[in-house]
Full PDB file with SEQRES, HELIX, SHEET, SSBOND, CRYST1, ORIGX, SCALE, CONECT and MASTER records, all heavy atoms in Angstrom:
SEQRES   1 A   45  VAL SER VAL LEU MET GLY PHE ALA VAL VAL PRO PHE ALA          
SEQRES   2 A   45  PRO GLY VAL VAL VAL ALA ASP LEU ASN VAL GLY ILE LEU          
SEQRES   3 A   45  PHE PHE LEU ALA MET SER SER MET GLY ALA TYR SER ILE          
SEQRES   4 A   45  ILE LEU GLY GLY TRP ALA                                      
HELIX    1 AA1 SER A    2  GLY A    6  1                                   5    
HELIX    2 AA2 PHE A    7  VAL A    9  5                                   3    
HELIX    3 AA3 GLY A   24  TRP A   44  1                                  21    
CRYST1    1.000    1.000    1.000  90.00  90.00  90.00 P 1           1          
ORIGX1      1.000000  0.000000  0.000000        0.00000                         
ORIGX2      0.000000  1.000000  0.000000        0.00000                         
ORIGX3      0.000000  0.000000  1.000000        0.00000                         
SCALE1      1.000000  0.000000  0.000000        0.00000                         
SCALE2      0.000000  1.000000  0.000000        0.00000                         
SCALE3      0.000000  0.000000  1.000000        0.00000                         
ATOM      1  N   VAL A   1       0.787  -1.213  -0.011  1.00  0.00           N  
ATOM      2  CA  VAL A   1       0.011  -0.025   0.028  1.00  0.00           C  
ATOM      3  C   VAL A   1       0.894   1.255   0.028  1.00  0.00           C  
ATOM      4  O   VAL A   1       0.603   2.212  -0.742  1.00  0.00           O  
ATOM      5  CB  VAL A   1      -0.945  -0.009   1.201  1.00  0.00           C  
ATOM      6  CG1 VAL A   1      -1.655   1.357   1.332  1.00  0.00           C  
ATOM      7  CG2 VAL A   1      -2.011  -1.132   1.088  1.00  0.00           C  
ATOM      8  N   SER A   2       1.949   1.279   0.827  1.00  0.00           N  
ATOM      9  CA  SER A   2       2.730   2.455   0.913  1.00  0.00           C  
ATOM     10  C   SER A   2       3.474   2.756  -0.403  1.00  0.00           C  
ATOM     11  O   SER A   2       3.558   3.953  -0.818  1.00  0.00           O  
ATOM     12  CB  SER A   2       3.771   2.324   2.056  1.00  0.00           C  
ATOM     13  OG  SER A   2       4.678   1.235   1.830  1.00  0.00           O  
ATOM     14  N   VAL A   3       3.950   1.714  -1.089  1.00  0.00           N  
ATOM     15  CA  VAL A   3       4.669   1.969  -2.365  1.00  0.00           C  
ATOM     16  C   VAL A   3       3.680   2.409  -3.453  1.00  0.00           C  
ATOM     17  O   VAL A   3       3.937   3.360  -4.157  1.00  0.00           O  
ATOM     18  CB  VAL A   3       5.359   0.628  -2.866  1.00  0.00           C  
ATOM     19  CG1 VAL A   3       5.907   0.839  -4.242  1.00  0.00           C  
ATOM     20  CG2 VAL A   3       6.472   0.291  -1.889  1.00  0.00           C  
ATOM     21  N   LEU A   4       2.476   1.797  -3.509  1.00  0.00           N  
ATOM     22  CA  LEU A   4       1.477   2.201  -4.476  1.00  0.00           C  
ATOM     23  C   LEU A   4       1.041   3.680  -4.261  1.00  0.00           C  
ATOM     24  O   LEU A   4       0.784   4.407  -5.164  1.00  0.00           O  
ATOM     25  CB  LEU A   4       0.234   1.281  -4.396  1.00  0.00           C  
ATOM     26  CG  LEU A   4       0.467  -0.128  -5.080  1.00  0.00           C  
ATOM     27  CD1 LEU A   4      -0.738  -1.061  -4.771  1.00  0.00           C  
ATOM     28  CD2 LEU A   4       0.734  -0.010  -6.581  1.00  0.00           C  
ATOM     29  N   MET A   5       0.898   4.038  -2.903  1.00  0.00           N  
ATOM     30  CA  MET A   5       0.547   5.402  -2.616  1.00  0.00           C  
ATOM     31  C   MET A   5       1.639   6.405  -3.047  1.00  0.00           C  
ATOM     32  O   MET A   5       1.367   7.501  -3.445  1.00  0.00           O  
ATOM     33  CB  MET A   5       0.269   5.513  -1.068  1.00  0.00           C  
ATOM     34  CG  MET A   5      -0.977   4.894  -0.602  1.00  0.00           C  
ATOM     35  SD  MET A   5      -2.484   5.740  -1.179  1.00  0.00           S  
ATOM     36  CE  MET A   5      -2.455   7.150  -0.132  1.00  0.00           C  
ATOM     37  N   GLY A   6       2.878   5.922  -2.962  1.00  0.00           N  
ATOM     38  CA  GLY A   6       4.022   6.812  -3.435  1.00  0.00           C  
ATOM     39  C   GLY A   6       3.906   7.169  -4.899  1.00  0.00           C  
ATOM     40  O   GLY A   6       4.265   8.290  -5.344  1.00  0.00           O  
ATOM     41  N   PHE A   7       3.307   6.275  -5.722  1.00  0.00           N  
ATOM     42  CA  PHE A   7       3.185   6.560  -7.175  1.00  0.00           C  
ATOM     43  C   PHE A   7       2.065   7.590  -7.429  1.00  0.00           C  
ATOM     44  O   PHE A   7       2.023   8.110  -8.516  1.00  0.00           O  
ATOM     45  CB  PHE A   7       2.806   5.259  -7.889  1.00  0.00           C  
ATOM     46  CG  PHE A   7       3.961   4.429  -8.252  1.00  0.00           C  
ATOM     47  CD1 PHE A   7       4.219   3.269  -7.508  1.00  0.00           C  
ATOM     48  CD2 PHE A   7       4.811   4.741  -9.274  1.00  0.00           C  
ATOM     49  CE1 PHE A   7       5.313   2.463  -7.794  1.00  0.00           C  
ATOM     50  CE2 PHE A   7       5.923   3.913  -9.594  1.00  0.00           C  
ATOM     51  CZ  PHE A   7       6.178   2.788  -8.867  1.00  0.00           C  
ATOM     52  N   ALA A   8       1.256   7.933  -6.416  1.00  0.00           N  
ATOM     53  CA  ALA A   8       0.142   8.809  -6.649  1.00  0.00           C  
ATOM     54  C   ALA A   8       0.655  10.253  -7.033  1.00  0.00           C  
ATOM     55  O   ALA A   8      -0.082  10.942  -7.752  1.00  0.00           O  
ATOM     56  CB  ALA A   8      -0.718   8.929  -5.366  1.00  0.00           C  
ATOM     57  N   VAL A   9       1.857  10.628  -6.637  1.00  0.00           N  
ATOM     58  CA  VAL A   9       2.292  11.978  -6.945  1.00  0.00           C  
ATOM     59  C   VAL A   9       3.300  12.039  -8.102  1.00  0.00           C  
ATOM     60  O   VAL A   9       3.815  13.105  -8.440  1.00  0.00           O  
ATOM     61  CB  VAL A   9       2.918  12.665  -5.684  1.00  0.00           C  
ATOM     62  CG1 VAL A   9       1.898  12.852  -4.620  1.00  0.00           C  
ATOM     63  CG2 VAL A   9       4.042  11.805  -5.155  1.00  0.00           C  
ATOM     64  N   VAL A  10       3.631  10.870  -8.716  1.00  0.00           N  
ATOM     65  CA  VAL A  10       4.581  10.825  -9.836  1.00  0.00           C  
ATOM     66  C   VAL A  10       3.927  11.293 -11.099  1.00  0.00           C  
ATOM     67  O   VAL A  10       2.930  10.684 -11.581  1.00  0.00           O  
ATOM     68  CB  VAL A  10       5.144   9.390 -10.002  1.00  0.00           C  
ATOM     69  CG1 VAL A  10       6.144   9.389 -11.186  1.00  0.00           C  
ATOM     70  CG2 VAL A  10       5.898   8.984  -8.747  1.00  0.00           C  
ATOM     71  N   PRO A  11       4.366  12.384 -11.745  1.00  0.00           N  
ATOM     72  CA  PRO A  11       3.841  12.792 -13.057  1.00  0.00           C  
ATOM     73  C   PRO A  11       4.431  12.027 -14.189  1.00  0.00           C  
ATOM     74  O   PRO A  11       5.595  12.222 -14.501  1.00  0.00           O  
ATOM     75  CB  PRO A  11       4.190  14.285 -13.082  1.00  0.00           C  
ATOM     76  CG  PRO A  11       5.436  14.375 -12.270  1.00  0.00           C  
ATOM     77  CD  PRO A  11       5.431  13.268 -11.274  1.00  0.00           C  
ATOM     78  N   PHE A  12       3.645  11.153 -14.849  1.00  0.00           N  
ATOM     79  CA  PHE A  12       4.172  10.308 -15.914  1.00  0.00           C  
ATOM     80  C   PHE A  12       4.276  11.063 -17.217  1.00  0.00           C  
ATOM     81  O   PHE A  12       5.090  10.735 -18.069  1.00  0.00           O  
ATOM     82  CB  PHE A  12       3.298   9.089 -16.083  1.00  0.00           C  
ATOM     83  CG  PHE A  12       3.171   8.227 -14.829  1.00  0.00           C  
ATOM     84  CD1 PHE A  12       2.039   8.272 -14.038  1.00  0.00           C  
ATOM     85  CD2 PHE A  12       4.199   7.457 -14.424  1.00  0.00           C  
ATOM     86  CE1 PHE A  12       1.892   7.545 -12.918  1.00  0.00           C  
ATOM     87  CE2 PHE A  12       4.065   6.706 -13.196  1.00  0.00           C  
ATOM     88  CZ  PHE A  12       2.947   6.744 -12.491  1.00  0.00           C  
ATOM     89  N   ALA A  13       3.437  12.063 -17.394  1.00  0.00           N  
ATOM     90  CA  ALA A  13       3.399  12.880 -18.593  1.00  0.00           C  
ATOM     91  C   ALA A  13       2.550  14.115 -18.251  1.00  0.00           C  
ATOM     92  O   ALA A  13       1.958  14.151 -17.154  1.00  0.00           O  
ATOM     93  CB  ALA A  13       2.763  12.143 -19.764  1.00  0.00           C  
ATOM     94  N   PRO A  14       2.503  15.146 -19.091  1.00  0.00           N  
ATOM     95  CA  PRO A  14       1.683  16.325 -18.752  1.00  0.00           C  
ATOM     96  C   PRO A  14       0.209  15.974 -18.553  1.00  0.00           C  
ATOM     97  O   PRO A  14      -0.408  15.419 -19.408  1.00  0.00           O  
ATOM     98  CB  PRO A  14       1.852  17.201 -20.041  1.00  0.00           C  
ATOM     99  CG  PRO A  14       3.120  16.813 -20.615  1.00  0.00           C  
ATOM    100  CD  PRO A  14       3.256  15.343 -20.317  1.00  0.00           C  
ATOM    101  N   GLY A  15      -0.257  16.198 -17.356  1.00  0.00           N  
ATOM    102  CA  GLY A  15      -1.652  15.878 -17.000  1.00  0.00           C  
ATOM    103  C   GLY A  15      -1.909  14.446 -16.566  1.00  0.00           C  
ATOM    104  O   GLY A  15      -3.021  14.105 -16.151  1.00  0.00           O  
ATOM    105  N   VAL A  16      -0.882  13.586 -16.727  1.00  0.00           N  
ATOM    106  CA  VAL A  16      -1.084  12.157 -16.371  1.00  0.00           C  
ATOM    107  C   VAL A  16      -0.430  11.907 -14.965  1.00  0.00           C  
ATOM    108  O   VAL A  16       0.748  11.500 -14.877  1.00  0.00           O  
ATOM    109  CB  VAL A  16      -0.438  11.202 -17.400  1.00  0.00           C  
ATOM    110  CG1 VAL A  16      -0.679   9.744 -17.081  1.00  0.00           C  
ATOM    111  CG2 VAL A  16      -0.895  11.536 -18.823  1.00  0.00           C  
ATOM    112  N   VAL A  17      -1.199  12.285 -13.938  1.00  0.00           N  
ATOM    113  CA  VAL A  17      -0.756  12.078 -12.580  1.00  0.00           C  
ATOM    114  C   VAL A  17      -1.974  11.843 -11.787  1.00  0.00           C  
ATOM    115  O   VAL A  17      -3.061  12.418 -11.959  1.00  0.00           O  
ATOM    116  CB  VAL A  17       0.017  13.355 -12.098  1.00  0.00           C  
ATOM    117  CG1 VAL A  17      -0.799  14.622 -12.232  1.00  0.00           C  
ATOM    118  CG2 VAL A  17       0.568  13.173 -10.699  1.00  0.00           C  
ATOM    119  N   VAL A  18      -1.871  10.915 -10.770  1.00  0.00           N  
ATOM    120  CA  VAL A  18      -3.082  10.622  -9.920  1.00  0.00           C  
ATOM    121  C   VAL A  18      -3.392  11.798  -9.011  1.00  0.00           C  
ATOM    122  O   VAL A  18      -4.555  12.220  -8.913  1.00  0.00           O  
ATOM    123  CB  VAL A  18      -2.761   9.401  -9.059  1.00  0.00           C  
ATOM    124  CG1 VAL A  18      -3.908   9.113  -8.082  1.00  0.00           C  
ATOM    125  CG2 VAL A  18      -2.555   8.182  -9.982  1.00  0.00           C  
ATOM    126  N   ALA A  19      -2.407  12.404  -8.312  1.00  0.00           N  
ATOM    127  CA  ALA A  19      -2.678  13.505  -7.477  1.00  0.00           C  
ATOM    128  C   ALA A  19      -1.532  14.519  -7.583  1.00  0.00           C  
ATOM    129  O   ALA A  19      -0.434  14.258  -7.137  1.00  0.00           O  
ATOM    130  CB  ALA A  19      -2.745  13.032  -6.003  1.00  0.00           C  
ATOM    131  N   ASP A  20      -1.800  15.667  -8.232  1.00  0.00           N  
ATOM    132  CA  ASP A  20      -0.774  16.692  -8.496  1.00  0.00           C  
ATOM    133  C   ASP A  20      -0.655  17.574  -7.252  1.00  0.00           C  
ATOM    134  O   ASP A  20      -1.102  18.768  -7.258  1.00  0.00           O  
ATOM    135  CB  ASP A  20      -1.124  17.473  -9.744  1.00  0.00           C  
ATOM    136  CG  ASP A  20       0.058  18.226 -10.260  1.00  0.00           C  
ATOM    137  OD1 ASP A  20       1.169  17.956  -9.903  1.00  0.00           O  
ATOM    138  OD2 ASP A  20      -0.189  19.199 -11.057  1.00  0.00           O  
ATOM    139  N   LEU A  21      -0.066  17.051  -6.184  1.00  0.00           N  
ATOM    140  CA  LEU A  21      -0.029  17.791  -4.927  1.00  0.00           C  
ATOM    141  C   LEU A  21       1.082  18.835  -4.896  1.00  0.00           C  
ATOM    142  O   LEU A  21       2.140  18.665  -5.502  1.00  0.00           O  
ATOM    143  CB  LEU A  21       0.191  16.803  -3.749  1.00  0.00           C  
ATOM    144  CG  LEU A  21      -0.830  15.693  -3.613  1.00  0.00           C  
ATOM    145  CD1 LEU A  21      -0.410  14.841  -2.416  1.00  0.00           C  
ATOM    146  CD2 LEU A  21      -2.202  16.231  -3.374  1.00  0.00           C  
ATOM    147  N   ASN A  22       0.861  19.979  -4.242  1.00  0.00           N  
ATOM    148  CA  ASN A  22       1.874  20.996  -4.035  1.00  0.00           C  
ATOM    149  C   ASN A  22       2.966  20.516  -3.120  1.00  0.00           C  
ATOM    150  O   ASN A  22       4.032  21.119  -3.102  1.00  0.00           O  
ATOM    151  CB  ASN A  22       1.245  22.258  -3.502  1.00  0.00           C  
ATOM    152  CG  ASN A  22       0.415  22.992  -4.520  1.00  0.00           C  
ATOM    153  OD1 ASN A  22       0.713  22.878  -5.767  1.00  0.00           O  
ATOM    154  ND2 ASN A  22      -0.600  23.687  -4.124  1.00  0.00           N  
ATOM    155  N   VAL A  23       2.696  19.523  -2.323  1.00  0.00           N  
ATOM    156  CA  VAL A  23       3.705  18.959  -1.398  1.00  0.00           C  
ATOM    157  C   VAL A  23       4.050  17.527  -1.790  1.00  0.00           C  
ATOM    158  O   VAL A  23       4.223  16.667  -1.032  1.00  0.00           O  
ATOM    159  CB  VAL A  23       3.198  19.003   0.097  1.00  0.00           C  
ATOM    160  CG1 VAL A  23       3.122  20.412   0.593  1.00  0.00           C  
ATOM    161  CG2 VAL A  23       1.807  18.322   0.180  1.00  0.00           C  
ATOM    162  N   GLY A  24       4.169  17.345  -3.131  1.00  0.00           N  
ATOM    163  CA  GLY A  24       4.436  16.018  -3.665  1.00  0.00           C  
ATOM    164  C   GLY A  24       5.610  15.323  -3.108  1.00  0.00           C  
ATOM    165  O   GLY A  24       5.582  14.140  -2.835  1.00  0.00           O  
ATOM    166  N   ILE A  25       6.746  16.059  -2.984  1.00  0.00           N  
ATOM    167  CA  ILE A  25       7.954  15.461  -2.451  1.00  0.00           C  
ATOM    168  C   ILE A  25       7.762  14.969  -1.025  1.00  0.00           C  
ATOM    169  O   ILE A  25       8.191  13.923  -0.616  1.00  0.00           O  
ATOM    170  CB  ILE A  25       9.146  16.435  -2.575  1.00  0.00           C  
ATOM    171  CG1 ILE A  25       9.645  16.471  -4.012  1.00  0.00           C  
ATOM    172  CG2 ILE A  25      10.279  16.024  -1.634  1.00  0.00           C  
ATOM    173  CD1 ILE A  25      10.862  17.356  -4.233  1.00  0.00           C  
ATOM    174  N   LEU A  26       7.114  15.826  -0.198  1.00  0.00           N  
ATOM    175  CA  LEU A  26       6.894  15.435   1.153  1.00  0.00           C  
ATOM    176  C   LEU A  26       5.991  14.208   1.292  1.00  0.00           C  
ATOM    177  O   LEU A  26       6.172  13.359   2.116  1.00  0.00           O  
ATOM    178  CB  LEU A  26       6.235  16.596   1.962  1.00  0.00           C  
ATOM    179  CG  LEU A  26       7.094  17.881   2.037  1.00  0.00           C  
ATOM    180  CD1 LEU A  26       6.380  18.978   2.824  1.00  0.00           C  
ATOM    181  CD2 LEU A  26       8.392  17.597   2.719  1.00  0.00           C  
ATOM    182  N   PHE A  27       4.969  14.130   0.396  1.00  0.00           N  
ATOM    183  CA  PHE A  27       4.127  12.984   0.358  1.00  0.00           C  
ATOM    184  C   PHE A  27       4.858  11.706   0.002  1.00  0.00           C  
ATOM    185  O   PHE A  27       4.711  10.648   0.611  1.00  0.00           O  
ATOM    186  CB  PHE A  27       2.964  13.196  -0.625  1.00  0.00           C  
ATOM    187  CG  PHE A  27       1.948  12.095  -0.718  1.00  0.00           C  
ATOM    188  CD1 PHE A  27       0.875  12.094   0.231  1.00  0.00           C  
ATOM    189  CD2 PHE A  27       2.011  11.033  -1.612  1.00  0.00           C  
ATOM    190  CE1 PHE A  27      -0.076  11.069   0.215  1.00  0.00           C  
ATOM    191  CE2 PHE A  27       1.111  10.045  -1.621  1.00  0.00           C  
ATOM    192  CZ  PHE A  27       0.063  10.059  -0.704  1.00  0.00           C  
ATOM    193  N   PHE A  28       5.752  11.852  -1.037  1.00  0.00           N  
ATOM    194  CA  PHE A  28       6.587  10.683  -1.399  1.00  0.00           C  
ATOM    195  C   PHE A  28       7.475  10.212  -0.235  1.00  0.00           C  
ATOM    196  O   PHE A  28       7.569   9.044   0.029  1.00  0.00           O  
ATOM    197  CB  PHE A  28       7.439  11.092  -2.588  1.00  0.00           C  
ATOM    198  CG  PHE A  28       8.703  10.194  -2.738  1.00  0.00           C  
ATOM    199  CD1 PHE A  28       8.588   8.887  -3.205  1.00  0.00           C  
ATOM    200  CD2 PHE A  28       9.941  10.690  -2.417  1.00  0.00           C  
ATOM    201  CE1 PHE A  28       9.722   8.132  -3.342  1.00  0.00           C  
ATOM    202  CE2 PHE A  28      11.075   9.879  -2.575  1.00  0.00           C  
ATOM    203  CZ  PHE A  28      10.937   8.625  -3.050  1.00  0.00           C  
ATOM    204  N   LEU A  29       8.125  11.186   0.470  1.00  0.00           N  
ATOM    205  CA  LEU A  29       8.979  10.834   1.594  1.00  0.00           C  
ATOM    206  C   LEU A  29       8.161  10.161   2.715  1.00  0.00           C  
ATOM    207  O   LEU A  29       8.559   9.198   3.370  1.00  0.00           O  
ATOM    208  CB  LEU A  29       9.704  12.067   2.153  1.00  0.00           C  
ATOM    209  CG  LEU A  29      10.782  12.628   1.235  1.00  0.00           C  
ATOM    210  CD1 LEU A  29      11.305  13.977   1.765  1.00  0.00           C  
ATOM    211  CD2 LEU A  29      11.907  11.663   1.030  1.00  0.00           C  
ATOM    212  N   ALA A  30       6.910  10.685   2.953  1.00  0.00           N  
ATOM    213  CA  ALA A  30       6.061  10.120   4.020  1.00  0.00           C  
ATOM    214  C   ALA A  30       5.697   8.631   3.656  1.00  0.00           C  
ATOM    215  O   ALA A  30       5.760   7.768   4.510  1.00  0.00           O  
ATOM    216  CB  ALA A  30       4.841  10.933   4.138  1.00  0.00           C  
ATOM    217  N   MET A  31       5.330   8.426   2.400  1.00  0.00           N  
ATOM    218  CA  MET A  31       4.910   7.050   1.998  1.00  0.00           C  
ATOM    219  C   MET A  31       6.124   6.103   2.006  1.00  0.00           C  
ATOM    220  O   MET A  31       5.962   4.928   2.434  1.00  0.00           O  
ATOM    221  CB  MET A  31       4.279   7.093   0.605  1.00  0.00           C  
ATOM    222  CG  MET A  31       2.931   7.757   0.580  1.00  0.00           C  
ATOM    223  SD  MET A  31       1.710   6.971   1.670  1.00  0.00           S  
ATOM    224  CE  MET A  31       1.571   8.163   2.974  1.00  0.00           C  
ATOM    225  N   SER A  32       7.260   6.532   1.553  1.00  0.00           N  
ATOM    226  CA  SER A  32       8.414   5.644   1.486  1.00  0.00           C  
ATOM    227  C   SER A  32       8.886   5.311   2.909  1.00  0.00           C  
ATOM    228  O   SER A  32       9.347   4.131   3.171  1.00  0.00           O  
ATOM    229  CB  SER A  32       9.568   6.274   0.707  1.00  0.00           C  
ATOM    230  OG  SER A  32      10.027   7.460   1.364  1.00  0.00           O  
ATOM    231  N   SER A  33       8.787   6.206   3.883  1.00  0.00           N  
ATOM    232  CA  SER A  33       9.136   5.904   5.227  1.00  0.00           C  
ATOM    233  C   SER A  33       8.134   4.943   5.888  1.00  0.00           C  
ATOM    234  O   SER A  33       8.486   4.239   6.812  1.00  0.00           O  
ATOM    235  CB  SER A  33       9.215   7.187   6.074  1.00  0.00           C  
ATOM    236  OG  SER A  33       7.974   7.828   6.119  1.00  0.00           O  
ATOM    237  N   MET A  34       6.850   4.882   5.368  1.00  0.00           N  
ATOM    238  CA  MET A  34       5.907   3.914   5.967  1.00  0.00           C  
ATOM    239  C   MET A  34       6.326   2.477   5.713  1.00  0.00           C  
ATOM    240  O   MET A  34       5.941   1.533   6.420  1.00  0.00           O  
ATOM    241  CB  MET A  34       4.530   4.135   5.298  1.00  0.00           C  
ATOM    242  CG  MET A  34       3.885   5.425   5.774  1.00  0.00           C  
ATOM    243  SD  MET A  34       3.191   5.284   7.414  1.00  0.00           S  
ATOM    244  CE  MET A  34       1.868   4.120   7.158  1.00  0.00           C  
ATOM    245  N   GLY A  35       7.172   2.291   4.656  1.00  0.00           N  
ATOM    246  CA  GLY A  35       7.614   0.891   4.321  1.00  0.00           C  
ATOM    247  C   GLY A  35       8.461   0.255   5.478  1.00  0.00           C  
ATOM    248  O   GLY A  35       8.452  -0.939   5.536  1.00  0.00           O  
ATOM    249  N   ALA A  36       9.074   1.120   6.282  1.00  0.00           N  
ATOM    250  CA  ALA A  36       9.831   0.580   7.399  1.00  0.00           C  
ATOM    251  C   ALA A  36       8.958  -0.199   8.402  1.00  0.00           C  
ATOM    252  O   ALA A  36       9.376  -1.201   8.983  1.00  0.00           O  
ATOM    253  CB  ALA A  36      10.560   1.720   8.100  1.00  0.00           C  
ATOM    254  N   TYR A  37       7.670   0.282   8.530  1.00  0.00           N  
ATOM    255  CA  TYR A  37       6.727  -0.425   9.430  1.00  0.00           C  
ATOM    256  C   TYR A  37       6.495  -1.827   8.960  1.00  0.00           C  
ATOM    257  O   TYR A  37       6.343  -2.723   9.849  1.00  0.00           O  
ATOM    258  CB  TYR A  37       5.449   0.357   9.511  1.00  0.00           C  
ATOM    259  CG  TYR A  37       5.467   1.637  10.327  1.00  0.00           C  
ATOM    260  CD1 TYR A  37       5.631   2.824   9.736  1.00  0.00           C  
ATOM    261  CD2 TYR A  37       5.424   1.622  11.696  1.00  0.00           C  
ATOM    262  CE1 TYR A  37       5.673   4.026  10.435  1.00  0.00           C  
ATOM    263  CE2 TYR A  37       5.494   2.710  12.474  1.00  0.00           C  
ATOM    264  CZ  TYR A  37       5.624   3.960  11.808  1.00  0.00           C  
ATOM    265  OH  TYR A  37       5.670   5.105  12.536  1.00  0.00           O  
ATOM    266  N   SER A  38       6.477  -2.056   7.687  1.00  0.00           N  
ATOM    267  CA  SER A  38       6.176  -3.388   7.181  1.00  0.00           C  
ATOM    268  C   SER A  38       7.283  -4.399   7.591  1.00  0.00           C  
ATOM    269  O   SER A  38       6.952  -5.477   8.115  1.00  0.00           O  
ATOM    270  CB  SER A  38       6.114  -3.391   5.654  1.00  0.00           C  
ATOM    271  OG  SER A  38       6.010  -4.648   5.141  1.00  0.00           O  
ATOM    272  N   ILE A  39       8.538  -3.949   7.500  1.00  0.00           N  
ATOM    273  CA  ILE A  39       9.667  -4.811   7.906  1.00  0.00           C  
ATOM    274  C   ILE A  39       9.644  -5.050   9.389  1.00  0.00           C  
ATOM    275  O   ILE A  39       9.831  -6.199   9.898  1.00  0.00           O  
ATOM    276  CB  ILE A  39      10.968  -4.164   7.443  1.00  0.00           C  
ATOM    277  CG1 ILE A  39      11.115  -4.236   5.935  1.00  0.00           C  
ATOM    278  CG2 ILE A  39      12.172  -4.884   8.097  1.00  0.00           C  
ATOM    279  CD1 ILE A  39      12.317  -3.601   5.389  1.00  0.00           C  
ATOM    280  N   ILE A  40       9.472  -3.960  10.159  1.00  0.00           N  
ATOM    281  CA  ILE A  40       9.526  -4.091  11.649  1.00  0.00           C  
ATOM    282  C   ILE A  40       8.379  -4.978  12.131  1.00  0.00           C  
ATOM    283  O   ILE A  40       8.589  -5.904  12.969  1.00  0.00           O  
ATOM    284  CB  ILE A  40       9.371  -2.688  12.326  1.00  0.00           C  
ATOM    285  CG1 ILE A  40      10.556  -1.813  11.890  1.00  0.00           C  
ATOM    286  CG2 ILE A  40       9.252  -2.791  13.780  1.00  0.00           C  
ATOM    287  CD1 ILE A  40      10.379  -0.355  12.144  1.00  0.00           C  
ATOM    288  N   LEU A  41       7.147  -4.763  11.631  1.00  0.00           N  
ATOM    289  CA  LEU A  41       5.969  -5.532  12.063  1.00  0.00           C  
ATOM    290  C   LEU A  41       6.158  -6.989  11.653  1.00  0.00           C  
ATOM    291  O   LEU A  41       5.847  -7.907  12.398  1.00  0.00           O  
ATOM    292  CB  LEU A  41       4.733  -4.951  11.471  1.00  0.00           C  
ATOM    293  CG  LEU A  41       4.254  -3.548  11.997  1.00  0.00           C  
ATOM    294  CD1 LEU A  41       3.045  -3.102  11.229  1.00  0.00           C  
ATOM    295  CD2 LEU A  41       3.999  -3.649  13.507  1.00  0.00           C  
ATOM    296  N   GLY A  42       6.586  -7.219  10.411  1.00  0.00           N  
ATOM    297  CA  GLY A  42       6.790  -8.604   9.923  1.00  0.00           C  
ATOM    298  C   GLY A  42       7.782  -9.396  10.743  1.00  0.00           C  
ATOM    299  O   GLY A  42       7.588 -10.490  11.116  1.00  0.00           O  
ATOM    300  N   GLY A  43       8.936  -8.732  11.026  1.00  0.00           N  
ATOM    301  CA  GLY A  43       9.963  -9.390  11.799  1.00  0.00           C  
ATOM    302  C   GLY A  43       9.555  -9.661  13.259  1.00  0.00           C  
ATOM    303  O   GLY A  43       9.800 -10.707  13.803  1.00  0.00           O  
ATOM    304  N   TRP A  44       8.859  -8.664  13.817  1.00  0.00           N  
ATOM    305  CA  TRP A  44       8.453  -8.765  15.221  1.00  0.00           C  
ATOM    306  C   TRP A  44       7.361  -9.883  15.373  1.00  0.00           C  
ATOM    307  O   TRP A  44       7.381 -10.677  16.308  1.00  0.00           O  
ATOM    308  CB  TRP A  44       7.967  -7.423  15.758  1.00  0.00           C  
ATOM    309  CG  TRP A  44       7.455  -7.448  17.142  1.00  0.00           C  
ATOM    310  CD1 TRP A  44       6.163  -7.612  17.586  1.00  0.00           C  
ATOM    311  CD2 TRP A  44       8.207  -7.376  18.342  1.00  0.00           C  
ATOM    312  NE1 TRP A  44       6.119  -7.579  18.928  1.00  0.00           N  
ATOM    313  CE2 TRP A  44       7.355  -7.469  19.470  1.00  0.00           C  
ATOM    314  CE3 TRP A  44       9.621  -7.285  18.564  1.00  0.00           C  
ATOM    315  CZ2 TRP A  44       7.803  -7.425  20.766  1.00  0.00           C  
ATOM    316  CZ3 TRP A  44      10.038  -7.231  19.924  1.00  0.00           C  
ATOM    317  CH2 TRP A  44       9.125  -7.308  20.962  1.00  0.00           C  
ATOM    318  N   ALA A  45       6.358  -9.817  14.450  1.00  0.00           N  
ATOM    319  CA  ALA A  45       5.225 -10.696  14.602  1.00  0.00           C  
ATOM    320  C   ALA A  45       5.610 -12.143  14.296  1.00  0.00           C  
ATOM    321  O   ALA A  45       4.925 -13.063  14.764  1.00  0.00           O  
ATOM    322  CB  ALA A  45       4.094 -10.310  13.605  1.00  0.00           C  
TER     323      ALA A  45                                                      
MASTER        0    0    0    3    0    0    0    6  322    1    0    4          
END                                                                             
């Protein structure tokens, strides 16, 4: 889910973007950092 959400702000071509956010880079960093939870939860559980 976190990786797929990261693609939401990637502009593939002019007008071809899921969410053209003004804080696109911050959204990408937030989603990529969520991936760490997957590893921690999987290893702990």
